[in-house]
Amino acid sequence: ISKTSRIGKGTIIQPNVFIGNNVTI
């Protein structure tokens, strides 16, 4: 999970998910 990604409040990320650079959720 890239440190440049932004993940909103209350969002659940389950194991083994890949999140690339500059992703917004």
mmCIF file of all heavy atoms, coordinates in Angstrom:
data_MODEL
# 
_entry.id   MODEL 
# 
loop_
_atom_site.group_PDB 
_atom_site.id 
_atom_site.type_symbol 
_atom_site.label_atom_id 
_atom_site.label_alt_id 
_atom_site.label_comp_id 
_atom_site.label_asym_id 
_atom_site.label_entity_id 
_atom_site.label_seq_id 
_atom_site.pdbx_PDB_ins_code 
_atom_site.Cartn_x 
_atom_site.Cartn_y 
_atom_site.Cartn_z 
_atom_site.occupancy 
_atom_site.B_iso_or_equiv 
_atom_site.pdbx_formal_charge 
_atom_site.auth_seq_id 
_atom_site.auth_comp_id 
_atom_site.auth_asym_id 
_atom_site.auth_atom_id 
_atom_site.pdbx_PDB_model_num 
ATOM 1   N N   . ILE A 1 1  ? 0.866   -1.180  0.000  1.00 0.00 ? 1  ILE A N   1 
ATOM 2   C CA  . ILE A 1 1  ? 0.000   0.000   0.000  1.00 0.00 ? 1  ILE A CA  1 
ATOM 3   C C   . ILE A 1 1  ? 0.904   1.232   0.000  1.00 0.00 ? 1  ILE A C   1 
ATOM 4   O O   . ILE A 1 1  ? 1.604   1.503   0.974  1.00 0.00 ? 1  ILE A O   1 
ATOM 5   C CB  . ILE A 1 1  ? -0.944  0.015   1.213  1.00 0.00 ? 1  ILE A CB  1 
ATOM 6   C CG1 . ILE A 1 1  ? -1.850  -1.218  1.185  1.00 0.00 ? 1  ILE A CG1 1 
ATOM 7   C CG2 . ILE A 1 1  ? -1.787  1.288   1.217  1.00 0.00 ? 1  ILE A CG2 1 
ATOM 8   C CD1 . ILE A 1 1  ? -2.795  -1.326  2.370  1.00 0.00 ? 1  ILE A CD1 1 
ATOM 9   N N   . SER A 1 2  ? 0.906   1.950   -1.115 1.00 0.00 ? 2  SER A N   1 
ATOM 10  C CA  . SER A 1 2  ? 1.826   3.071   -1.268 1.00 0.00 ? 2  SER A CA  1 
ATOM 11  C C   . SER A 1 2  ? 1.547   4.169   -0.243 1.00 0.00 ? 2  SER A C   1 
ATOM 12  O O   . SER A 1 2  ? 0.389   4.475   0.072  1.00 0.00 ? 2  SER A O   1 
ATOM 13  C CB  . SER A 1 2  ? 1.695   3.650   -2.678 1.00 0.00 ? 2  SER A CB  1 
ATOM 14  O OG  . SER A 1 2  ? 2.426   4.852   -2.798 1.00 0.00 ? 2  SER A OG  1 
ATOM 15  N N   . LYS A 1 3  ? 2.623   4.764   0.238  1.00 0.00 ? 3  LYS A N   1 
ATOM 16  C CA  . LYS A 1 3  ? 2.487   5.889   1.173  1.00 0.00 ? 3  LYS A CA  1 
ATOM 17  C C   . LYS A 1 3  ? 1.897   7.122   0.499  1.00 0.00 ? 3  LYS A C   1 
ATOM 18  O O   . LYS A 1 3  ? 1.440   8.036   1.181  1.00 0.00 ? 3  LYS A O   1 
ATOM 19  C CB  . LYS A 1 3  ? 3.853   6.216   1.787  1.00 0.00 ? 3  LYS A CB  1 
ATOM 20  C CG  . LYS A 1 3  ? 4.360   5.178   2.755  1.00 0.00 ? 3  LYS A CG  1 
ATOM 21  C CD  . LYS A 1 3  ? 5.673   5.617   3.394  1.00 0.00 ? 3  LYS A CD  1 
ATOM 22  C CE  . LYS A 1 3  ? 6.123   4.636   4.483  1.00 0.00 ? 3  LYS A CE  1 
ATOM 23  N NZ  . LYS A 1 3  ? 6.377   3.277   3.964  1.00 0.00 ? 3  LYS A NZ  1 
ATOM 24  N N   . THR A 1 4  ? 1.919   7.141   -0.839 1.00 0.00 ? 4  THR A N   1 
ATOM 25  C CA  . THR A 1 4  ? 1.327   8.281   -1.551 1.00 0.00 ? 4  THR A CA  1 
ATOM 26  C C   . THR A 1 4  ? -0.168  8.102   -1.783 1.00 0.00 ? 4  THR A C   1 
ATOM 27  O O   . THR A 1 4  ? -0.825  8.994   -2.317 1.00 0.00 ? 4  THR A O   1 
ATOM 28  C CB  . THR A 1 4  ? 2.022   8.495   -2.912 1.00 0.00 ? 4  THR A CB  1 
ATOM 29  O OG1 . THR A 1 4  ? 1.843   7.328   -3.724 1.00 0.00 ? 4  THR A OG1 1 
ATOM 30  C CG2 . THR A 1 4  ? 3.505   8.765   -2.734 1.00 0.00 ? 4  THR A CG2 1 
ATOM 31  N N   . SER A 1 5  ? -0.711  6.937   -1.410 1.00 0.00 ? 5  SER A N   1 
ATOM 32  C CA  . SER A 1 5  ? -2.161  6.718   -1.552 1.00 0.00 ? 5  SER A CA  1 
ATOM 33  C C   . SER A 1 5  ? -2.904  7.436   -0.431 1.00 0.00 ? 5  SER A C   1 
ATOM 34  O O   . SER A 1 5  ? -2.357  7.684   0.646  1.00 0.00 ? 5  SER A O   1 
ATOM 35  C CB  . SER A 1 5  ? -2.479  5.225   -1.530 1.00 0.00 ? 5  SER A CB  1 
ATOM 36  O OG  . SER A 1 5  ? -2.143  4.665   -0.282 1.00 0.00 ? 5  SER A OG  1 
ATOM 37  N N   . ARG A 1 6  ? -4.167  7.747   -0.694 1.00 0.00 ? 6  ARG A N   1 
ATOM 38  C CA  . ARG A 1 6  ? -5.010  8.421   0.295  1.00 0.00 ? 6  ARG A CA  1 
ATOM 39  C C   . ARG A 1 6  ? -6.270  7.587   0.488  1.00 0.00 ? 6  ARG A C   1 
ATOM 40  O O   . ARG A 1 6  ? -7.010  7.357   -0.477 1.00 0.00 ? 6  ARG A O   1 
ATOM 41  C CB  . ARG A 1 6  ? -5.345  9.841   -0.156 1.00 0.00 ? 6  ARG A CB  1 
ATOM 42  C CG  . ARG A 1 6  ? -4.107  10.722  -0.275 1.00 0.00 ? 6  ARG A CG  1 
ATOM 43  C CD  . ARG A 1 6  ? -4.420  12.108  -0.808 1.00 0.00 ? 6  ARG A CD  1 
ATOM 44  N NE  . ARG A 1 6  ? -4.908  12.090  -2.182 1.00 0.00 ? 6  ARG A NE  1 
ATOM 45  C CZ  . ARG A 1 6  ? -4.119  11.958  -3.233 1.00 0.00 ? 6  ARG A CZ  1 
ATOM 46  N NH1 . ARG A 1 6  ? -2.814  11.829  -3.086 1.00 0.00 ? 6  ARG A NH1 1 
ATOM 47  N NH2 . ARG A 1 6  ? -4.641  11.953  -4.450 1.00 0.00 ? 6  ARG A NH2 1 
ATOM 48  N N   . ILE A 1 7  ? -6.514  7.150   1.710  1.00 0.00 ? 7  ILE A N   1 
ATOM 49  C CA  . ILE A 1 7  ? -7.620  6.246   1.996  1.00 0.00 ? 7  ILE A CA  1 
ATOM 50  C C   . ILE A 1 7  ? -8.553  6.915   2.998  1.00 0.00 ? 7  ILE A C   1 
ATOM 51  O O   . ILE A 1 7  ? -8.133  7.355   4.070  1.00 0.00 ? 7  ILE A O   1 
ATOM 52  C CB  . ILE A 1 7  ? -7.099  4.907   2.545  1.00 0.00 ? 7  ILE A CB  1 
ATOM 53  C CG1 . ILE A 1 7  ? -6.192  4.247   1.492  1.00 0.00 ? 7  ILE A CG1 1 
ATOM 54  C CG2 . ILE A 1 7  ? -8.257  3.979   2.917  1.00 0.00 ? 7  ILE A CG2 1 
ATOM 55  C CD1 . ILE A 1 7  ? -5.480  3.013   1.970  1.00 0.00 ? 7  ILE A CD1 1 
ATOM 56  N N   . GLY A 1 8  ? -9.839  6.985   2.657  1.00 0.00 ? 8  GLY A N   1 
ATOM 57  C CA  . GLY A 1 8  ? -10.798 7.736   3.451  1.00 0.00 ? 8  GLY A CA  1 
ATOM 58  C C   . GLY A 1 8  ? -11.216 7.040   4.739  1.00 0.00 ? 8  GLY A C   1 
ATOM 59  O O   . GLY A 1 8  ? -11.007 5.841   4.939  1.00 0.00 ? 8  GLY A O   1 
ATOM 60  N N   . LYS A 1 9  ? -11.853 7.807   5.597  1.00 0.00 ? 9  LYS A N   1 
ATOM 61  C CA  . LYS A 1 9  ? -12.317 7.336   6.903  1.00 0.00 ? 9  LYS A CA  1 
ATOM 62  C C   . LYS A 1 9  ? -13.336 6.211   6.738  1.00 0.00 ? 9  LYS A C   1 
ATOM 63  O O   . LYS A 1 9  ? -14.233 6.270   5.909  1.00 0.00 ? 9  LYS A O   1 
ATOM 64  C CB  . LYS A 1 9  ? -12.962 8.506   7.656  1.00 0.00 ? 9  LYS A CB  1 
ATOM 65  C CG  . LYS A 1 9  ? -13.456 8.156   9.044  1.00 0.00 ? 9  LYS A CG  1 
ATOM 66  C CD  . LYS A 1 9  ? -14.057 9.380   9.721  1.00 0.00 ? 9  LYS A CD  1 
ATOM 67  C CE  . LYS A 1 9  ? -14.597 9.029   11.114 1.00 0.00 ? 9  LYS A CE  1 
ATOM 68  N NZ  . LYS A 1 9  ? -15.215 10.207  11.765 1.00 0.00 ? 9  LYS A NZ  1 
ATOM 69  N N   . GLY A 1 10 ? -13.169 5.171   7.542  1.00 0.00 ? 10 GLY A N   1 
ATOM 70  C CA  . GLY A 1 10 ? -14.116 4.071   7.555  1.00 0.00 ? 10 GLY A CA  1 
ATOM 71  C C   . GLY A 1 10 ? -13.926 3.053   6.450  1.00 0.00 ? 10 GLY A C   1 
ATOM 72  O O   . GLY A 1 10 ? -14.685 2.075   6.360  1.00 0.00 ? 10 GLY A O   1 
ATOM 73  N N   . THR A 1 11 ? -12.940 3.229   5.614  1.00 0.00 ? 11 THR A N   1 
ATOM 74  C CA  . THR A 1 11 ? -12.679 2.269   4.534  1.00 0.00 ? 11 THR A CA  1 
ATOM 75  C C   . THR A 1 11 ? -11.913 1.067   5.080  1.00 0.00 ? 11 THR A C   1 
ATOM 76  O O   . THR A 1 11 ? -10.967 1.222   5.866  1.00 0.00 ? 11 THR A O   1 
ATOM 77  C CB  . THR A 1 11 ? -11.896 2.936   3.390  1.00 0.00 ? 11 THR A CB  1 
ATOM 78  O OG1 . THR A 1 11 ? -12.796 3.778   2.667  1.00 0.00 ? 11 THR A OG1 1 
ATOM 79  C CG2 . THR A 1 11 ? -11.287 1.919   2.433  1.00 0.00 ? 11 THR A CG2 1 
ATOM 80  N N   . ILE A 1 12 ? -12.315 -0.122  4.651  1.00 0.00 ? 12 ILE A N   1 
ATOM 81  C CA  . ILE A 1 12 ? -11.690 -1.371  5.104  1.00 0.00 ? 12 ILE A CA  1 
ATOM 82  C C   . ILE A 1 12 ? -10.888 -1.963  3.948  1.00 0.00 ? 12 ILE A C   1 
ATOM 83  O O   . ILE A 1 12 ? -11.427 -2.180  2.853  1.00 0.00 ? 12 ILE A O   1 
ATOM 84  C CB  . ILE A 1 12 ? -12.755 -2.378  5.578  1.00 0.00 ? 12 ILE A CB  1 
ATOM 85  C CG1 . ILE A 1 12 ? -13.497 -1.812  6.793  1.00 0.00 ? 12 ILE A CG1 1 
ATOM 86  C CG2 . ILE A 1 12 ? -12.125 -3.729  5.907  1.00 0.00 ? 12 ILE A CG2 1 
ATOM 87  C CD1 . ILE A 1 12 ? -14.723 -2.629  7.187  1.00 0.00 ? 12 ILE A CD1 1 
ATOM 88  N N   . ILE A 1 13 ? -9.617  -2.208  4.205  1.00 0.00 ? 13 ILE A N   1 
ATOM 89  C CA  . ILE A 1 13 ? -8.739  -2.842  3.227  1.00 0.00 ? 13 ILE A CA  1 
ATOM 90  C C   . ILE A 1 13 ? -8.392  -4.232  3.745  1.00 0.00 ? 13 ILE A C   1 
ATOM 91  O O   . ILE A 1 13 ? -7.691  -4.383  4.748  1.00 0.00 ? 13 ILE A O   1 
ATOM 92  C CB  . ILE A 1 13 ? -7.450  -2.019  3.010  1.00 0.00 ? 13 ILE A CB  1 
ATOM 93  C CG1 . ILE A 1 13 ? -7.766  -0.537  2.690  1.00 0.00 ? 13 ILE A CG1 1 
ATOM 94  C CG2 . ILE A 1 13 ? -6.590  -2.658  1.915  1.00 0.00 ? 13 ILE A CG2 1 
ATOM 95  C CD1 . ILE A 1 13 ? -8.480  -0.320  1.395  1.00 0.00 ? 13 ILE A CD1 1 
ATOM 96  N N   . GLN A 1 14 ? -8.866  -5.281  3.084  1.00 0.00 ? 14 GLN A N   1 
ATOM 97  C CA  . GLN A 1 14 ? -8.610  -6.654  3.492  1.00 0.00 ? 14 GLN A CA  1 
ATOM 98  C C   . GLN A 1 14 ? -7.169  -7.080  3.133  1.00 0.00 ? 14 GLN A C   1 
ATOM 99  O O   . GLN A 1 14 ? -6.492  -6.386  2.372  1.00 0.00 ? 14 GLN A O   1 
ATOM 100 C CB  . GLN A 1 14 ? -9.624  -7.583  2.819  1.00 0.00 ? 14 GLN A CB  1 
ATOM 101 C CG  . GLN A 1 14 ? -11.081 -7.334  3.232  1.00 0.00 ? 14 GLN A CG  1 
ATOM 102 C CD  . GLN A 1 14 ? -11.418 -7.950  4.572  1.00 0.00 ? 14 GLN A CD  1 
ATOM 103 O OE1 . GLN A 1 14 ? -10.904 -7.540  5.603  1.00 0.00 ? 14 GLN A OE1 1 
ATOM 104 N NE2 . GLN A 1 14 ? -12.286 -8.957  4.554  1.00 0.00 ? 14 GLN A NE2 1 
ATOM 105 N N   . PRO A 1 15 ? -6.698  -8.219  3.679  1.00 0.00 ? 15 PRO A N   1 
ATOM 106 C CA  . PRO A 1 15 ? -5.311  -8.650  3.432  1.00 0.00 ? 15 PRO A CA  1 
ATOM 107 C C   . PRO A 1 15 ? -5.013  -8.867  1.948  1.00 0.00 ? 15 PRO A C   1 
ATOM 108 O O   . PRO A 1 15 ? -5.893  -9.191  1.155  1.00 0.00 ? 15 PRO A O   1 
ATOM 109 C CB  . PRO A 1 15 ? -5.215  -9.964  4.214  1.00 0.00 ? 15 PRO A CB  1 
ATOM 110 C CG  . PRO A 1 15 ? -6.248  -9.859  5.268  1.00 0.00 ? 15 PRO A CG  1 
ATOM 111 C CD  . PRO A 1 15 ? -7.376  -9.102  4.644  1.00 0.00 ? 15 PRO A CD  1 
ATOM 112 N N   . ASN A 1 16 ? -3.734  -8.686  1.624  1.00 0.00 ? 16 ASN A N   1 
ATOM 113 C CA  . ASN A 1 16 ? -3.190  -8.958  0.286  1.00 0.00 ? 16 ASN A CA  1 
ATOM 114 C C   . ASN A 1 16 ? -3.728  -8.043  -0.807 1.00 0.00 ? 16 ASN A C   1 
ATOM 115 O O   . ASN A 1 16 ? -3.686  -8.389  -1.995 1.00 0.00 ? 16 ASN A O   1 
ATOM 116 C CB  . ASN A 1 16 ? -3.424  -10.420 -0.119 1.00 0.00 ? 16 ASN A CB  1 
ATOM 117 C CG  . ASN A 1 16 ? -2.733  -11.380 0.822  1.00 0.00 ? 16 ASN A CG  1 
ATOM 118 O OD1 . ASN A 1 16 ? -1.624  -11.108 1.310  1.00 0.00 ? 16 ASN A OD1 1 
ATOM 119 N ND2 . ASN A 1 16 ? -3.375  -12.502 1.116  1.00 0.00 ? 16 ASN A ND2 1 
ATOM 120 N N   . VAL A 1 17 ? -4.215  -6.889  -0.428 1.00 0.00 ? 17 VAL A N   1 
ATOM 121 C CA  . VAL A 1 17 ? -4.617  -5.887  -1.418 1.00 0.00 ? 17 VAL A CA  1 
ATOM 122 C C   . VAL A 1 17 ? -3.387  -5.071  -1.820 1.00 0.00 ? 17 VAL A C   1 
ATOM 123 O O   . VAL A 1 17 ? -2.586  -4.695  -0.965 1.00 0.00 ? 17 VAL A O   1 
ATOM 124 C CB  . VAL A 1 17 ? -5.712  -4.963  -0.859 1.00 0.00 ? 17 VAL A CB  1 
ATOM 125 C CG1 . VAL A 1 17 ? -5.952  -3.768  -1.789 1.00 0.00 ? 17 VAL A CG1 1 
ATOM 126 C CG2 . VAL A 1 17 ? -7.013  -5.730  -0.650 1.00 0.00 ? 17 VAL A CG2 1 
ATOM 127 N N   . PHE A 1 18 ? -3.244  -4.811  -3.130 1.00 0.00 ? 18 PHE A N   1 
ATOM 128 C CA  . PHE A 1 18 ? -2.184  -3.920  -3.605 1.00 0.00 ? 18 PHE A CA  1 
ATOM 129 C C   . PHE A 1 18 ? -2.802  -2.581  -3.986 1.00 0.00 ? 18 PHE A C   1 
ATOM 130 O O   . PHE A 1 18 ? -3.772  -2.528  -4.746 1.00 0.00 ? 18 PHE A O   1 
ATOM 131 C CB  . PHE A 1 18 ? -1.467  -4.500  -4.820 1.00 0.00 ? 18 PHE A CB  1 
ATOM 132 C CG  . PHE A 1 18 ? -0.555  -3.511  -5.496 1.00 0.00 ? 18 PHE A CG  1 
ATOM 133 C CD1 . PHE A 1 18 ? 0.679   -3.214  -4.942 1.00 0.00 ? 18 PHE A CD1 1 
ATOM 134 C CD2 . PHE A 1 18 ? -0.946  -2.839  -6.652 1.00 0.00 ? 18 PHE A CD2 1 
ATOM 135 C CE1 . PHE A 1 18 ? 1.514   -2.282  -5.538 1.00 0.00 ? 18 PHE A CE1 1 
ATOM 136 C CE2 . PHE A 1 18 ? -0.124  -1.909  -7.246 1.00 0.00 ? 18 PHE A CE2 1 
ATOM 137 C CZ  . PHE A 1 18 ? 1.115   -1.633  -6.690 1.00 0.00 ? 18 PHE A CZ  1 
ATOM 138 N N   . ILE A 1 19 ? -2.227  -1.492  -3.467 1.00 0.00 ? 19 ILE A N   1 
ATOM 139 C CA  . ILE A 1 19 ? -2.674  -0.141  -3.788 1.00 0.00 ? 19 ILE A CA  1 
ATOM 140 C C   . ILE A 1 19 ? -1.457  0.648   -4.251 1.00 0.00 ? 19 ILE A C   1 
ATOM 141 O O   . ILE A 1 19 ? -0.502  0.847   -3.496 1.00 0.00 ? 19 ILE A O   1 
ATOM 142 C CB  . ILE A 1 19 ? -3.342  0.538   -2.576 1.00 0.00 ? 19 ILE A CB  1 
ATOM 143 C CG1 . ILE A 1 19 ? -4.583  -0.266  -2.150 1.00 0.00 ? 19 ILE A CG1 1 
ATOM 144 C CG2 . ILE A 1 19 ? -3.732  1.971   -2.910 1.00 0.00 ? 19 ILE A CG2 1 
ATOM 145 C CD1 . ILE A 1 19 ? -5.245  0.243   -0.894 1.00 0.00 ? 19 ILE A CD1 1 
ATOM 146 N N   . GLY A 1 20 ? -1.483  1.082   -5.499 1.00 0.00 ? 20 GLY A N   1 
ATOM 147 C CA  . GLY A 1 20 ? -0.332  1.726   -6.118 1.00 0.00 ? 20 GLY A CA  1 
ATOM 148 C C   . GLY A 1 20 ? -0.152  3.179   -5.738 1.00 0.00 ? 20 GLY A C   1 
ATOM 149 O O   . GLY A 1 20 ? -0.815  3.725   -4.844 1.00 0.00 ? 20 GLY A O   1 
ATOM 150 N N   . ASN A 1 21 ? 0.747   3.827   -6.470 1.00 0.00 ? 21 ASN A N   1 
ATOM 151 C CA  . ASN A 1 21 ? 1.107   5.222   -6.205 1.00 0.00 ? 21 ASN A CA  1 
ATOM 152 C C   . ASN A 1 21 ? -0.034  6.176   -6.554 1.00 0.00 ? 21 ASN A C   1 
ATOM 153 O O   . ASN A 1 21 ? -0.721  5.997   -7.564 1.00 0.00 ? 21 ASN A O   1 
ATOM 154 C CB  . ASN A 1 21 ? 2.342   5.600   -7.031 1.00 0.00 ? 21 ASN A CB  1 
ATOM 155 C CG  . ASN A 1 21 ? 3.528   4.726   -6.707 1.00 0.00 ? 21 ASN A CG  1 
ATOM 156 O OD1 . ASN A 1 21 ? 3.965   4.643   -5.562 1.00 0.00 ? 21 ASN A OD1 1 
ATOM 157 N ND2 . ASN A 1 21 ? 4.056   4.047   -7.719 1.00 0.00 ? 21 ASN A ND2 1 
ATOM 158 N N   . ASN A 1 22 ? -0.227  7.164   -5.703 1.00 0.00 ? 22 ASN A N   1 
ATOM 159 C CA  . ASN A 1 22 ? -1.172  8.262   -5.951 1.00 0.00 ? 22 ASN A CA  1 
ATOM 160 C C   . ASN A 1 22 ? -2.612  7.792   -6.151 1.00 0.00 ? 22 ASN A C   1 
ATOM 161 O O   . ASN A 1 22 ? -3.391  8.414   -6.878 1.00 0.00 ? 22 ASN A O   1 
ATOM 162 C CB  . ASN A 1 22 ? -0.726  9.080   -7.173 1.00 0.00 ? 22 ASN A CB  1 
ATOM 163 C CG  . ASN A 1 22 ? 0.687   9.600   -7.020 1.00 0.00 ? 22 ASN A CG  1 
ATOM 164 O OD1 . ASN A 1 22 ? 1.036   10.189  -6.001 1.00 0.00 ? 22 ASN A OD1 1 
ATOM 165 N ND2 . ASN A 1 22 ? 1.510   9.359   -8.031 1.00 0.00 ? 22 ASN A ND2 1 
ATOM 166 N N   . VAL A 1 23 ? -2.965  6.707   -5.494 1.00 0.00 ? 23 VAL A N   1 
ATOM 167 C CA  . VAL A 1 23 ? -4.349  6.224   -5.530 1.00 0.00 ? 23 VAL A CA  1 
ATOM 168 C C   . VAL A 1 23 ? -5.164  6.977   -4.483 1.00 0.00 ? 23 VAL A C   1 
ATOM 169 O O   . VAL A 1 23 ? -4.690  7.252   -3.382 1.00 0.00 ? 23 VAL A O   1 
ATOM 170 C CB  . VAL A 1 23 ? -4.404  4.706   -5.263 1.00 0.00 ? 23 VAL A CB  1 
ATOM 171 C CG1 . VAL A 1 23 ? -5.845  4.238   -5.029 1.00 0.00 ? 23 VAL A CG1 1 
ATOM 172 C CG2 . VAL A 1 23 ? -3.778  3.943   -6.421 1.00 0.00 ? 23 VAL A CG2 1 
ATOM 173 N N   . THR A 1 24 ? -6.410  7.300   -4.822 1.00 0.00 ? 24 THR A N   1 
ATOM 174 C CA  . THR A 1 24 ? -7.330  7.926   -3.876 1.00 0.00 ? 24 THR A CA  1 
ATOM 175 C C   . THR A 1 24 ? -8.537  7.016   -3.685 1.00 0.00 ? 24 THR A C   1 
ATOM 176 O O   . THR A 1 24 ? -9.189  6.636   -4.664 1.00 0.00 ? 24 THR A O   1 
ATOM 177 C CB  . THR A 1 24 ? -7.795  9.298   -4.381 1.00 0.00 ? 24 THR A CB  1 
ATOM 178 O OG1 . THR A 1 24 ? -6.664  10.154  -4.550 1.00 0.00 ? 24 THR A OG1 1 
ATOM 179 C CG2 . THR A 1 24 ? -8.765  9.938   -3.397 1.00 0.00 ? 24 THR A CG2 1 
ATOM 180 N N   . ILE A 1 25 ? -8.828  6.660   -2.438 1.00 0.00 ? 25 ILE A N   1 
ATOM 181 C CA  . ILE A 1 25 ? -9.996  5.840   -2.104 1.00 0.00 ? 25 ILE A CA  1 
ATOM 182 C C   . ILE A 1 25 ? -10.826 6.621   -1.094 1.00 0.00 ? 25 ILE A C   1 
ATOM 183 O O   . ILE A 1 25 ? -10.308 7.113   -0.087 1.00 0.00 ? 25 ILE A O   1 
ATOM 184 C CB  . ILE A 1 25 ? -9.586  4.475   -1.525 1.00 0.00 ? 25 ILE A CB  1 
ATOM 185 C CG1 . ILE A 1 25 ? -8.705  3.719   -2.534 1.00 0.00 ? 25 ILE A CG1 1 
ATOM 186 C CG2 . ILE A 1 25 ? -10.817 3.640   -1.165 1.00 0.00 ? 25 ILE A CG2 1 
ATOM 187 C CD1 . ILE A 1 25 ? -8.166  2.406   -2.016 1.00 0.00 ? 25 ILE A CD1 1 
# 
